[in-house]
Amino acid sequence: MNEGRPSDGPSRTWLDRISQVLSGEPRDREELIETLRDAQQRNLLDADALTMIEGVLQVSEMQVRDIMIPRSQMVVVERDQVPEEFLPEVISSAHSRFPVIGDDRDDVVGILLAKDLLAYTASTDNQVFNMRDILRPAVFIPESKRLNVLLKEFRASRNHMAIVVDEYGGVSGLVTIEDVLEQIVGEIIDEHDIDEDTYIKKMSDTRFTIKALTPIEDFNEHFSASFNDEEFDTIGGLILNEFKRVPKRGETVVINHFRFKILNADNRRIHLLEGKILPVQEKSVEDVAQSGSA
């Protein structure tokens, strides 16, 4: 009998596994990551667990500005609008929370929750709509806030959205708890994300979520692009060729006037991408950049 020794069976605890992985006492963060990747190769950790551990380490070094939704892409509701004016945008965007603005996008006066509109849309007694009655307070944070700190604050306050401001107090974007969690667990797929039989989902006029298995021919047709499909069949294959290796989640590459960000990948292949159409003047951006440049 092997009493006192951890079992290799299903009942073996994560503490036992991590203890074995770290038995070599890594000297720094890079060596720790290499040790964990080696452990995954030896089936001590599965690929999903490794991805999450790397995400946790990455979050501690990232700032809000690295992942925020830019001001220009924020879907907002104006304070003085009536439901008939803003409901089509609320429905088409499928978001659950919306910044409410006053005079302009720097004047965020609160947050509107889509569920708070149900009482008005389902009402049969001609209830008068008043935005101020259902407005939730907005939380403002600086661009430089660390993601691990923000996640703690989200959990403590139970807020799911924060408005990001620059050093002059102007609104530069927004960030949600989902944006932070996706840095740890990868892209969170819900009923509004890409369907099984769909390759490309539009997020805004310039930003798209793209499956790496998207045929280059389909990509070219969708975006009126001209990527060569003779050497590679899929957009993922094209991007792998640009990196000359399997990229990590969060890395970006610019090809022609498209910037591709890796949303989900393992140590063998890319799964999901964010594609952004760049203005012509940005075509000369450095080809390979770290997370946060997108």
C-alpha atoms as a PDB file:
ATOM      1  CA  MET A   1       0.000   0.000   0.000  1.00  0.00           C
ATOM      2  CA  ASN A   2       1.101   3.574  -0.634  1.00  0.00           C
ATOM      3  CA  GLU A   3      -0.344   5.199   2.475  1.00  0.00           C
ATOM      4  CA  GLY A   4       0.562   8.867   2.829  1.00  0.00           C
ATOM      5  CA  ARG A   5       1.222   9.264  -0.900  1.00  0.00           C
ATOM      6  CA  PRO A   6      -1.179  11.173  -3.168  1.00  0.00           C
ATOM      7  CA  SER A   7      -3.232   9.006  -5.480  1.00  0.00           C
ATOM      8  CA  ASP A   8      -2.960   9.374  -9.239  1.00  0.00           C
ATOM      9  CA  GLY A   9      -6.676   8.639  -9.573  1.00  0.00           C
ATOM     10  CA  PRO A  10      -9.636  10.983  -9.963  1.00  0.00           C
ATOM     11  CA  SER A  11      -9.751  11.663  -6.217  1.00  0.00           C
ATOM     12  CA  ARG A  12      -6.351  13.322  -6.283  1.00  0.00           C
ATOM     13  CA  THR A  13      -6.681  16.933  -5.079  1.00  0.00           C
ATOM     14  CA  TRP A  14      -5.590  20.057  -6.948  1.00  0.00           C
ATOM     15  CA  LEU A  15      -3.279  20.815  -4.020  1.00  0.00           C
ATOM     16  CA  ASP A  16      -1.488  17.517  -4.610  1.00  0.00           C
ATOM     17  CA  ARG A  17      -1.111  18.301  -8.306  1.00  0.00           C
ATOM     18  CA  ILE A  18       0.108  21.853  -7.795  1.00  0.00           C
ATOM     19  CA  SER A  19       2.564  20.657  -5.144  1.00  0.00           C
ATOM     20  CA  GLN A  20       4.053  18.209  -7.629  1.00  0.00           C
ATOM     21  CA  VAL A  21       4.176  20.835 -10.380  1.00  0.00           C
ATOM     22  CA  LEU A  22       5.985  23.344  -8.152  1.00  0.00           C
ATOM     23  CA  SER A  23       8.385  20.861  -6.602  1.00  0.00           C
ATOM     24  CA  GLY A  24      11.195  22.410  -8.656  1.00  0.00           C
ATOM     25  CA  GLU A  25      10.629  25.845  -7.029  1.00  0.00           C
ATOM     26  CA  PRO A  26      10.474  28.206 -10.055  1.00  0.00           C
ATOM     27  CA  ARG A  27      12.644  31.296  -9.577  1.00  0.00           C
ATOM     28  CA  ASP A  28      10.493  33.850 -11.430  1.00  0.00           C
ATOM     29  CA  ARG A  29       7.164  34.302 -13.202  1.00  0.00           C
ATOM     30  CA  GLU A  30       8.423  33.169 -16.613  1.00  0.00           C
ATOM     31  CA  GLU A  31       9.941  30.015 -15.164  1.00  0.00           C
ATOM     32  CA  LEU A  32       6.690  29.364 -13.288  1.00  0.00           C
ATOM     33  CA  ILE A  33       4.698  29.567 -16.519  1.00  0.00           C
ATOM     34  CA  GLU A  34       7.138  27.261 -18.302  1.00  0.00           C
ATOM     35  CA  THR A  35       6.866  24.804 -15.401  1.00  0.00           C
ATOM     36  CA  LEU A  36       3.072  24.876 -15.623  1.00  0.00           C
ATOM     37  CA  ARG A  37       3.164  24.342 -19.396  1.00  0.00           C
ATOM     38  CA  ASP A  38       5.488  21.410 -18.934  1.00  0.00           C
ATOM     39  CA  ALA A  39       3.060  20.016 -16.353  1.00  0.00           C
ATOM     40  CA  GLN A  40       0.238  20.338 -18.861  1.00  0.00           C
ATOM     41  CA  GLN A  41       2.284  18.422 -21.424  1.00  0.00           C
ATOM     42  CA  ARG A  42       2.689  15.666 -18.823  1.00  0.00           C
ATOM     43  CA  ASN A  43      -1.089  15.661 -18.162  1.00  0.00           C
ATOM     44  CA  LEU A  44      -0.715  16.971 -14.605  1.00  0.00           C
ATOM     45  CA  LEU A  45      -2.877  19.948 -15.613  1.00  0.00           C
ATOM     46  CA  ASP A  46      -5.467  20.056 -18.352  1.00  0.00           C
ATOM     47  CA  ALA A  47      -5.409  22.771 -21.005  1.00  0.00           C
ATOM     48  CA  ASP A  48      -8.340  24.708 -19.534  1.00  0.00           C
ATOM     49  CA  ALA A  49      -6.756  24.808 -16.077  1.00  0.00           C
ATOM     50  CA  LEU A  50      -3.466  26.035 -17.549  1.00  0.00           C
ATOM     51  CA  THR A  51      -5.271  28.749 -19.510  1.00  0.00           C
ATOM     52  CA  MET A  52      -7.011  30.004 -16.376  1.00  0.00           C
ATOM     53  CA  ILE A  53      -3.831  30.014 -14.298  1.00  0.00           C
ATOM     54  CA  GLU A  54      -2.042  32.006 -16.998  1.00  0.00           C
ATOM     55  CA  GLY A  55      -5.048  34.344 -17.123  1.00  0.00           C
ATOM     56  CA  VAL A  56      -4.892  34.972 -13.378  1.00  0.00           C
ATOM     57  CA  LEU A  57      -1.191  35.827 -13.625  1.00  0.00           C
ATOM     58  CA  GLN A  58      -1.874  38.102 -16.586  1.00  0.00           C
ATOM     59  CA  VAL A  59      -4.731  39.956 -14.872  1.00  0.00           C
ATOM     60  CA  SER A  60      -2.456  41.016 -12.033  1.00  0.00           C
ATOM     61  CA  GLU A  61      -0.284  42.896 -14.533  1.00  0.00           C
ATOM     62  CA  MET A  62      -2.976  44.433 -16.754  1.00  0.00           C
ATOM     63  CA  GLN A  63      -4.717  47.782 -16.421  1.00  0.00           C
ATOM     64  CA  VAL A  64      -8.264  48.823 -17.293  1.00  0.00           C
ATOM     65  CA  ARG A  65      -7.049  50.709 -20.382  1.00  0.00           C
ATOM     66  CA  ASP A  66      -5.861  47.368 -21.812  1.00  0.00           C
ATOM     67  CA  ILE A  67      -9.349  45.869 -22.094  1.00  0.00           C
ATOM     68  CA  MET A  68     -11.884  48.715 -21.898  1.00  0.00           C
ATOM     69  CA  ILE A  69     -14.503  49.280 -24.583  1.00  0.00           C
ATOM     70  CA  PRO A  70     -13.513  52.623 -26.155  1.00  0.00           C
ATOM     71  CA  ARG A  71     -15.774  55.632 -25.759  1.00  0.00           C
ATOM     72  CA  SER A  72     -16.571  55.638 -29.494  1.00  0.00           C
ATOM     73  CA  GLN A  73     -17.939  52.067 -29.264  1.00  0.00           C
ATOM     74  CA  MET A  74     -20.068  52.572 -26.152  1.00  0.00           C
ATOM     75  CA  VAL A  75     -23.777  51.953 -26.691  1.00  0.00           C
ATOM     76  CA  VAL A  76     -25.421  54.737 -24.698  1.00  0.00           C
ATOM     77  CA  VAL A  77     -28.906  56.035 -23.935  1.00  0.00           C
ATOM     78  CA  GLU A  78     -29.669  59.741 -23.682  1.00  0.00           C
ATOM     79  CA  ARG A  79     -31.291  60.900 -20.459  1.00  0.00           C
ATOM     80  CA  ASP A  80     -34.098  62.793 -22.184  1.00  0.00           C
ATOM     81  CA  GLN A  81     -35.011  60.091 -24.688  1.00  0.00           C
ATOM     82  CA  VAL A  82     -38.337  58.276 -24.477  1.00  0.00           C
ATOM     83  CA  PRO A  83     -38.425  54.462 -24.702  1.00  0.00           C
ATOM     84  CA  GLU A  84     -39.671  54.502 -28.283  1.00  0.00           C
ATOM     85  CA  GLU A  85     -36.455  56.282 -29.257  1.00  0.00           C
ATOM     86  CA  PHE A  86     -33.893  54.082 -27.495  1.00  0.00           C
ATOM     87  CA  LEU A  87     -35.577  50.646 -27.308  1.00  0.00           C
ATOM     88  CA  PRO A  88     -34.543  49.623 -30.858  1.00  0.00           C
ATOM     89  CA  GLU A  89     -30.876  50.181 -29.935  1.00  0.00           C
ATOM     90  CA  VAL A  90     -31.298  48.354 -26.606  1.00  0.00           C
ATOM     91  CA  ILE A  91     -32.833  45.369 -28.392  1.00  0.00           C
ATOM     92  CA  SER A  92     -30.340  45.229 -31.272  1.00  0.00           C
ATOM     93  CA  SER A  93     -27.262  45.505 -29.026  1.00  0.00           C
ATOM     94  CA  ALA A  94     -28.550  42.799 -26.624  1.00  0.00           C
ATOM     95  CA  HIS A  95     -26.609  44.360 -23.748  1.00  0.00           C
ATOM     96  CA  SER A  96     -27.930  44.266 -20.195  1.00  0.00           C
ATOM     97  CA  ARG A  97     -26.521  47.644 -19.032  1.00  0.00           C
ATOM     98  CA  PHE A  98     -26.260  51.020 -20.734  1.00  0.00           C
ATOM     99  CA  PRO A  99     -24.525  54.264 -19.708  1.00  0.00           C
ATOM    100  CA  VAL A 100     -27.025  57.117 -19.653  1.00  0.00           C
ATOM    101  CA  ILE A 101     -25.635  60.457 -20.803  1.00  0.00           C
ATOM    102  CA  GLY A 102     -26.758  64.048 -20.420  1.00  0.00           C
ATOM    103  CA  ASP A 103     -25.311  66.734 -22.674  1.00  0.00           C
ATOM    104  CA  ASP A 104     -22.590  64.533 -24.222  1.00  0.00           C
ATOM    105  CA  ARG A 105     -20.594  61.311 -23.717  1.00  0.00           C
ATOM    106  CA  ASP A 106     -18.485  62.949 -21.001  1.00  0.00           C
ATOM    107  CA  ASP A 107     -21.643  63.552 -18.995  1.00  0.00           C
ATOM    108  CA  VAL A 108     -22.546  60.064 -17.763  1.00  0.00           C
ATOM    109  CA  VAL A 109     -25.377  60.518 -15.285  1.00  0.00           C
ATOM    110  CA  GLY A 110     -26.068  56.879 -14.443  1.00  0.00           C
ATOM    111  CA  ILE A 111     -26.588  53.316 -15.648  1.00  0.00           C
ATOM    112  CA  LEU A 112     -29.761  51.880 -17.150  1.00  0.00           C
ATOM    113  CA  LEU A 113     -30.458  48.175 -16.623  1.00  0.00           C
ATOM    114  CA  ALA A 114     -32.436  46.610 -19.451  1.00  0.00           C
ATOM    115  CA  LYS A 115     -34.472  44.564 -16.968  1.00  0.00           C
ATOM    116  CA  ASP A 116     -35.738  47.780 -15.351  1.00  0.00           C
ATOM    117  CA  LEU A 117     -37.561  48.556 -18.596  1.00  0.00           C
ATOM    118  CA  LEU A 118     -39.774  45.485 -18.298  1.00  0.00           C
ATOM    119  CA  ALA A 119     -42.241  47.197 -15.997  1.00  0.00           C
ATOM    120  CA  TYR A 120     -42.819  49.887 -18.585  1.00  0.00           C
ATOM    121  CA  THR A 121     -42.894  47.729 -21.705  1.00  0.00           C
ATOM    122  CA  ALA A 122     -45.312  45.260 -20.094  1.00  0.00           C
ATOM    123  CA  SER A 123     -47.500  47.886 -18.451  1.00  0.00           C
ATOM    124  CA  THR A 124     -51.149  48.135 -19.572  1.00  0.00           C
ATOM    125  CA  ASP A 125     -52.105  51.177 -17.467  1.00  0.00           C
ATOM    126  CA  ASN A 126     -50.234  53.805 -19.523  1.00  0.00           C
ATOM    127  CA  GLN A 127     -47.556  54.213 -16.855  1.00  0.00           C
ATOM    128  CA  VAL A 128     -45.501  57.331 -17.559  1.00  0.00           C
ATOM    129  CA  PHE A 129     -41.813  56.616 -18.162  1.00  0.00           C
ATOM    130  CA  ASN A 130     -39.304  58.651 -16.159  1.00  0.00           C
ATOM    131  CA  MET A 131     -35.619  57.778 -16.659  1.00  0.00           C
ATOM    132  CA  ARG A 132     -34.677  59.247 -13.281  1.00  0.00           C
ATOM    133  CA  ASP A 133     -36.919  56.757 -11.474  1.00  0.00           C
ATOM    134  CA  ILE A 134     -34.931  53.740 -12.642  1.00  0.00           C
ATOM    135  CA  LEU A 135     -31.450  55.206 -13.103  1.00  0.00           C
ATOM    136  CA  ARG A 136     -28.694  53.380 -11.192  1.00  0.00           C
ATOM    137  CA  PRO A 137     -25.577  55.252  -9.991  1.00  0.00           C
ATOM    138  CA  ALA A 138     -22.501  55.012 -12.227  1.00  0.00           C
ATOM    139  CA  VAL A 139     -19.094  53.956 -10.900  1.00  0.00           C
ATOM    140  CA  PHE A 140     -16.094  55.856 -12.263  1.00  0.00           C
ATOM    141  CA  ILE A 141     -12.569  54.411 -12.318  1.00  0.00           C
ATOM    142  CA  PRO A 142      -9.212  55.555 -13.764  1.00  0.00           C
ATOM    143  CA  GLU A 143      -7.651  53.961 -16.844  1.00  0.00           C
ATOM    144  CA  SER A 144      -4.658  52.895 -14.744  1.00  0.00           C
ATOM    145  CA  LYS A 145      -6.563  50.707 -12.259  1.00  0.00           C
ATOM    146  CA  ARG A 146      -5.237  47.142 -12.117  1.00  0.00           C
ATOM    147  CA  LEU A 147      -7.653  44.451 -13.238  1.00  0.00           C
ATOM    148  CA  ASN A 148      -7.175  42.294 -10.147  1.00  0.00           C
ATOM    149  CA  VAL A 149      -8.081  45.282  -7.953  1.00  0.00           C
ATOM    150  CA  LEU A 150     -11.095  46.092 -10.129  1.00  0.00           C
ATOM    151  CA  LEU A 151     -12.340  42.499  -9.931  1.00  0.00           C
ATOM    152  CA  LYS A 152     -12.238  42.648  -6.115  1.00  0.00           C
ATOM    153  CA  GLU A 153     -14.180  45.921  -6.202  1.00  0.00           C
ATOM    154  CA  PHE A 154     -16.777  44.488  -8.587  1.00  0.00           C
ATOM    155  CA  ARG A 155     -17.302  41.526  -6.282  1.00  0.00           C
ATOM    156  CA  ALA A 156     -17.509  43.670  -3.144  1.00  0.00           C
ATOM    157  CA  SER A 157     -19.904  46.264  -4.585  1.00  0.00           C
ATOM    158  CA  ARG A 158     -21.874  43.852  -6.812  1.00  0.00           C
ATOM    159  CA  ASN A 159     -21.511  46.325  -9.670  1.00  0.00           C
ATOM    160  CA  HIS A 160     -21.036  44.827 -13.128  1.00  0.00           C
ATOM    161  CA  MET A 161     -20.026  47.938 -15.070  1.00  0.00           C
ATOM    162  CA  ALA A 162     -17.695  50.877 -14.509  1.00  0.00           C
ATOM    163  CA  ILE A 163     -17.128  54.040 -16.537  1.00  0.00           C
ATOM    164  CA  VAL A 164     -13.453  54.628 -17.322  1.00  0.00           C
ATOM    165  CA  VAL A 165     -12.125  58.189 -17.145  1.00  0.00           C
ATOM    166  CA  ASP A 166      -8.816  59.697 -18.229  1.00  0.00           C
ATOM    167  CA  GLU A 167      -6.540  61.955 -16.177  1.00  0.00           C
ATOM    168  CA  TYR A 168      -8.603  65.016 -17.122  1.00  0.00           C
ATOM    169  CA  GLY A 169     -11.894  63.497 -16.033  1.00  0.00           C
ATOM    170  CA  GLY A 170     -13.178  62.807 -19.538  1.00  0.00           C
ATOM    171  CA  VAL A 171     -14.872  59.504 -20.327  1.00  0.00           C
ATOM    172  CA  SER A 172     -12.521  57.228 -22.260  1.00  0.00           C
ATOM    173  CA  GLY A 173     -14.582  54.032 -22.228  1.00  0.00           C
ATOM    174  CA  LEU A 174     -16.283  51.438 -20.080  1.00  0.00           C
ATOM    175  CA  VAL A 175     -15.446  48.034 -18.627  1.00  0.00           C
ATOM    176  CA  THR A 176     -17.620  45.215 -17.318  1.00  0.00           C
ATOM    177  CA  ILE A 177     -16.993  42.335 -14.952  1.00  0.00           C
ATOM    178  CA  GLU A 178     -17.336  40.007 -17.947  1.00  0.00           C
ATOM    179  CA  ASP A 179     -14.460  41.808 -19.679  1.00  0.00           C
ATOM    180  CA  VAL A 180     -12.242  41.096 -16.656  1.00  0.00           C
ATOM    181  CA  LEU A 181     -13.336  37.477 -16.250  1.00  0.00           C
ATOM    182  CA  GLU A 182     -12.688  36.796 -19.928  1.00  0.00           C
ATOM    183  CA  GLN A 183      -9.011  37.595 -19.327  1.00  0.00           C
ATOM    184  CA  ILE A 184      -8.972  34.594 -16.966  1.00  0.00           C
ATOM    185  CA  VAL A 185     -11.310  32.036 -18.499  1.00  0.00           C
ATOM    186  CA  GLY A 186     -11.236  33.146 -22.132  1.00  0.00           C
ATOM    187  CA  GLU A 187     -14.088  34.412 -24.269  1.00  0.00           C
ATOM    188  CA  ILE A 188     -17.409  33.851 -22.489  1.00  0.00           C
ATOM    189  CA  ILE A 189     -19.859  32.480 -25.017  1.00  0.00           C
ATOM    190  CA  ASP A 190     -23.533  33.213 -24.403  1.00  0.00           C
ATOM    191  CA  GLU A 191     -26.727  33.126 -26.427  1.00  0.00           C
ATOM    192  CA  HIS A 192     -25.745  36.353 -28.190  1.00  0.00           C
ATOM    193  CA  ASP A 193     -22.317  35.151 -29.303  1.00  0.00           C
ATOM    194  CA  ILE A 194     -21.424  33.266 -32.456  1.00  0.00           C
ATOM    195  CA  ASP A 195     -23.863  30.511 -33.422  1.00  0.00           C
ATOM    196  CA  GLU A 196     -22.525  27.056 -34.191  1.00  0.00           C
ATOM    197  CA  ASP A 197     -23.085  27.487 -37.928  1.00  0.00           C
ATOM    198  CA  THR A 198     -21.789  31.078 -38.057  1.00  0.00           C
ATOM    199  CA  TYR A 199     -18.157  32.133 -38.460  1.00  0.00           C
ATOM    200  CA  ILE A 200     -18.313  35.898 -37.936  1.00  0.00           C
ATOM    201  CA  LYS A 201     -20.334  38.020 -35.483  1.00  0.00           C
ATOM    202  CA  LYS A 202     -20.492  41.796 -35.751  1.00  0.00           C
ATOM    203  CA  MET A 203     -19.809  43.621 -32.444  1.00  0.00           C
ATOM    204  CA  SER A 204     -19.665  47.153 -33.888  1.00  0.00           C
ATOM    205  CA  ASP A 205     -19.063  48.794 -37.252  1.00  0.00           C
ATOM    206  CA  THR A 206     -15.319  48.053 -36.983  1.00  0.00           C
ATOM    207  CA  ARG A 207     -15.071  45.169 -34.499  1.00  0.00           C
ATOM    208  CA  PHE A 208     -15.993  41.513 -35.074  1.00  0.00           C
ATOM    209  CA  THR A 209     -15.671  38.188 -33.279  1.00  0.00           C
ATOM    210  CA  ILE A 210     -14.276  35.602 -35.702  1.00  0.00           C
ATOM    211  CA  LYS A 211     -13.790  31.854 -35.444  1.00  0.00           C
ATOM    212  CA  ALA A 212     -10.262  30.811 -36.379  1.00  0.00           C
ATOM    213  CA  LEU A 213     -11.747  28.123 -38.629  1.00  0.00           C
ATOM    214  CA  THR A 214     -13.370  30.771 -40.828  1.00  0.00           C
ATOM    215  CA  PRO A 215     -12.431  29.939 -44.448  1.00  0.00           C
ATOM    216  CA  ILE A 216     -10.345  32.719 -45.978  1.00  0.00           C
ATOM    217  CA  GLU A 217     -12.705  32.747 -48.939  1.00  0.00           C
ATOM    218  CA  ASP A 218     -15.641  33.502 -46.621  1.00  0.00           C
ATOM    219  CA  PHE A 219     -13.613  36.152 -44.759  1.00  0.00           C
ATOM    220  CA  ASN A 220     -12.703  37.864 -48.024  1.00  0.00           C
ATOM    221  CA  GLU A 221     -16.306  37.863 -49.165  1.00  0.00           C
ATOM    222  CA  HIS A 222     -17.594  39.231 -45.841  1.00  0.00           C
ATOM    223  CA  PHE A 223     -15.054  42.063 -45.579  1.00  0.00           C
ATOM    224  CA  SER A 224     -14.288  42.635 -49.273  1.00  0.00           C
ATOM    225  CA  ALA A 225     -10.708  41.633 -48.401  1.00  0.00           C
ATOM    226  CA  SER A 226      -8.121  40.001 -50.635  1.00  0.00           C
ATOM    227  CA  PHE A 227      -6.196  37.548 -48.430  1.00  0.00           C
ATOM    228  CA  ASN A 228      -4.526  34.765 -50.416  1.00  0.00           C
ATOM    229  CA  ASP A 229      -6.284  31.424 -49.876  1.00  0.00           C
ATOM    230  CA  GLU A 230      -3.893  29.299 -51.922  1.00  0.00           C
ATOM    231  CA  GLU A 231      -1.435  28.564 -49.083  1.00  0.00           C
ATOM    232  CA  PHE A 232      -3.890  28.528 -46.139  1.00  0.00           C
ATOM    233  CA  ASP A 233      -7.547  27.513 -45.942  1.00  0.00           C
ATOM    234  CA  THR A 234      -8.576  29.349 -42.762  1.00  0.00           C
ATOM    235  CA  ILE A 235      -8.012  32.736 -41.185  1.00  0.00           C
ATOM    236  CA  GLY A 236      -6.454  30.944 -38.196  1.00  0.00           C
ATOM    237  CA  GLY A 237      -3.850  29.353 -40.467  1.00  0.00           C
ATOM    238  CA  LEU A 238      -3.018  32.753 -41.945  1.00  0.00           C
ATOM    239  CA  ILE A 239      -2.487  34.237 -38.485  1.00  0.00           C
ATOM    240  CA  LEU A 240      -0.373  31.289 -37.307  1.00  0.00           C
ATOM    241  CA  ASN A 241       1.886  31.926 -40.274  1.00  0.00           C
ATOM    242  CA  GLU A 242       2.262  35.585 -39.277  1.00  0.00           C
ATOM    243  CA  PHE A 243       3.263  34.685 -35.719  1.00  0.00           C
ATOM    244  CA  LYS A 244       5.476  31.741 -36.782  1.00  0.00           C
ATOM    245  CA  ARG A 245       4.246  30.029 -33.593  1.00  0.00           C
ATOM    246  CA  VAL A 246       1.038  29.391 -31.677  1.00  0.00           C
ATOM    247  CA  PRO A 247       0.206  32.771 -30.104  1.00  0.00           C
ATOM    248  CA  LYS A 248      -1.045  33.286 -26.564  1.00  0.00           C
ATOM    249  CA  ARG A 249      -4.379  34.768 -25.627  1.00  0.00           C
ATOM    250  CA  GLY A 250      -4.283  38.555 -25.733  1.00  0.00           C
ATOM    251  CA  GLU A 251      -1.556  38.837 -28.387  1.00  0.00           C
ATOM    252  CA  THR A 252      -2.336  40.801 -31.535  1.00  0.00           C
ATOM    253  CA  VAL A 253      -1.157  40.940 -35.114  1.00  0.00           C
ATOM    254  CA  VAL A 254      -1.871  43.450 -37.881  1.00  0.00           C
ATOM    255  CA  ILE A 255      -2.344  42.147 -41.432  1.00  0.00           C
ATOM    256  CA  ASN A 256      -3.167  44.717 -44.088  1.00  0.00           C
ATOM    257  CA  HIS A 257      -5.833  46.928 -42.487  1.00  0.00           C
ATOM    258  CA  PHE A 258      -7.090  44.319 -39.998  1.00  0.00           C
ATOM    259  CA  ARG A 259      -5.909  43.901 -36.414  1.00  0.00           C
ATOM    260  CA  PHE A 260      -6.506  40.423 -35.004  1.00  0.00           C
ATOM    261  CA  LYS A 261      -6.492  39.775 -31.256  1.00  0.00           C
ATOM    262  CA  ILE A 262      -6.312  36.235 -29.888  1.00  0.00           C
ATOM    263  CA  LEU A 263      -9.353  35.646 -27.669  1.00  0.00           C
ATOM    264  CA  ASN A 264      -9.024  31.918 -27.151  1.00  0.00           C
ATOM    265  CA  ALA A 265      -6.165  29.540 -27.946  1.00  0.00           C
ATOM    266  CA  ASP A 266      -4.457  26.506 -26.484  1.00  0.00           C
ATOM    267  CA  ASN A 267      -0.927  25.210 -26.980  1.00  0.00           C
ATOM    268  CA  ARG A 268      -1.851  23.650 -30.341  1.00  0.00           C
ATOM    269  CA  ARG A 269      -4.153  26.027 -32.183  1.00  0.00           C
ATOM    270  CA  ILE A 270      -6.172  29.247 -32.197  1.00  0.00           C
ATOM    271  CA  HIS A 271      -9.910  29.023 -31.513  1.00  0.00           C
ATOM    272  CA  LEU A 272     -11.393  32.519 -31.445  1.00  0.00           C
ATOM    273  CA  LEU A 273     -10.313  35.968 -32.634  1.00  0.00           C
ATOM    274  CA  GLU A 274     -11.347  39.560 -32.378  1.00  0.00           C
ATOM    275  CA  GLY A 275     -10.969  41.352 -35.694  1.00  0.00           C
ATOM    276  CA  LYS A 276     -10.820  45.130 -35.940  1.00  0.00           C
ATOM    277  CA  ILE A 277     -10.880  47.133 -39.166  1.00  0.00           C
ATOM    278  CA  LEU A 278      -8.199  49.817 -38.944  1.00  0.00           C
ATOM    279  CA  PRO A 279      -8.198  53.237 -40.571  1.00  0.00           C
ATOM    280  CA  VAL A 280      -5.830  53.426 -43.524  1.00  0.00           C
ATOM    281  CA  GLN A 281      -3.255  55.446 -41.576  1.00  0.00           C
ATOM    282  CA  GLU A 282      -2.878  52.635 -39.014  1.00  0.00           C
ATOM    283  CA  LYS A 283      -1.773  50.007 -41.537  1.00  0.00           C
ATOM    284  CA  SER A 284       1.868  50.579 -40.618  1.00  0.00           C
ATOM    285  CA  VAL A 285       1.315  49.627 -36.977  1.00  0.00           C
ATOM    286  CA  GLU A 286       3.882  47.135 -35.681  1.00  0.00           C
ATOM    287  CA  ASP A 287       2.810  43.650 -36.770  1.00  0.00           C
ATOM    288  CA  VAL A 288       3.023  41.844 -33.480  1.00  0.00           C
ATOM    289  CA  ALA A 289       2.102  43.607 -30.243  1.00  0.00           C
ATOM    290  CA  GLN A 290       1.295  42.663 -26.690  1.00  0.00           C
ATOM    291  CA  SER A 291      -2.155  42.664 -25.120  1.00  0.00           C
ATOM    292  CA  GLY A 292      -3.588  46.112 -24.702  1.00  0.00           C
ATOM    293  CA  SER A 293      -2.536  47.478 -28.071  1.00  0.00           C
ATOM    294  CA  ALA A 294      -5.824  46.513 -29.653  1.00  0.00           C
END
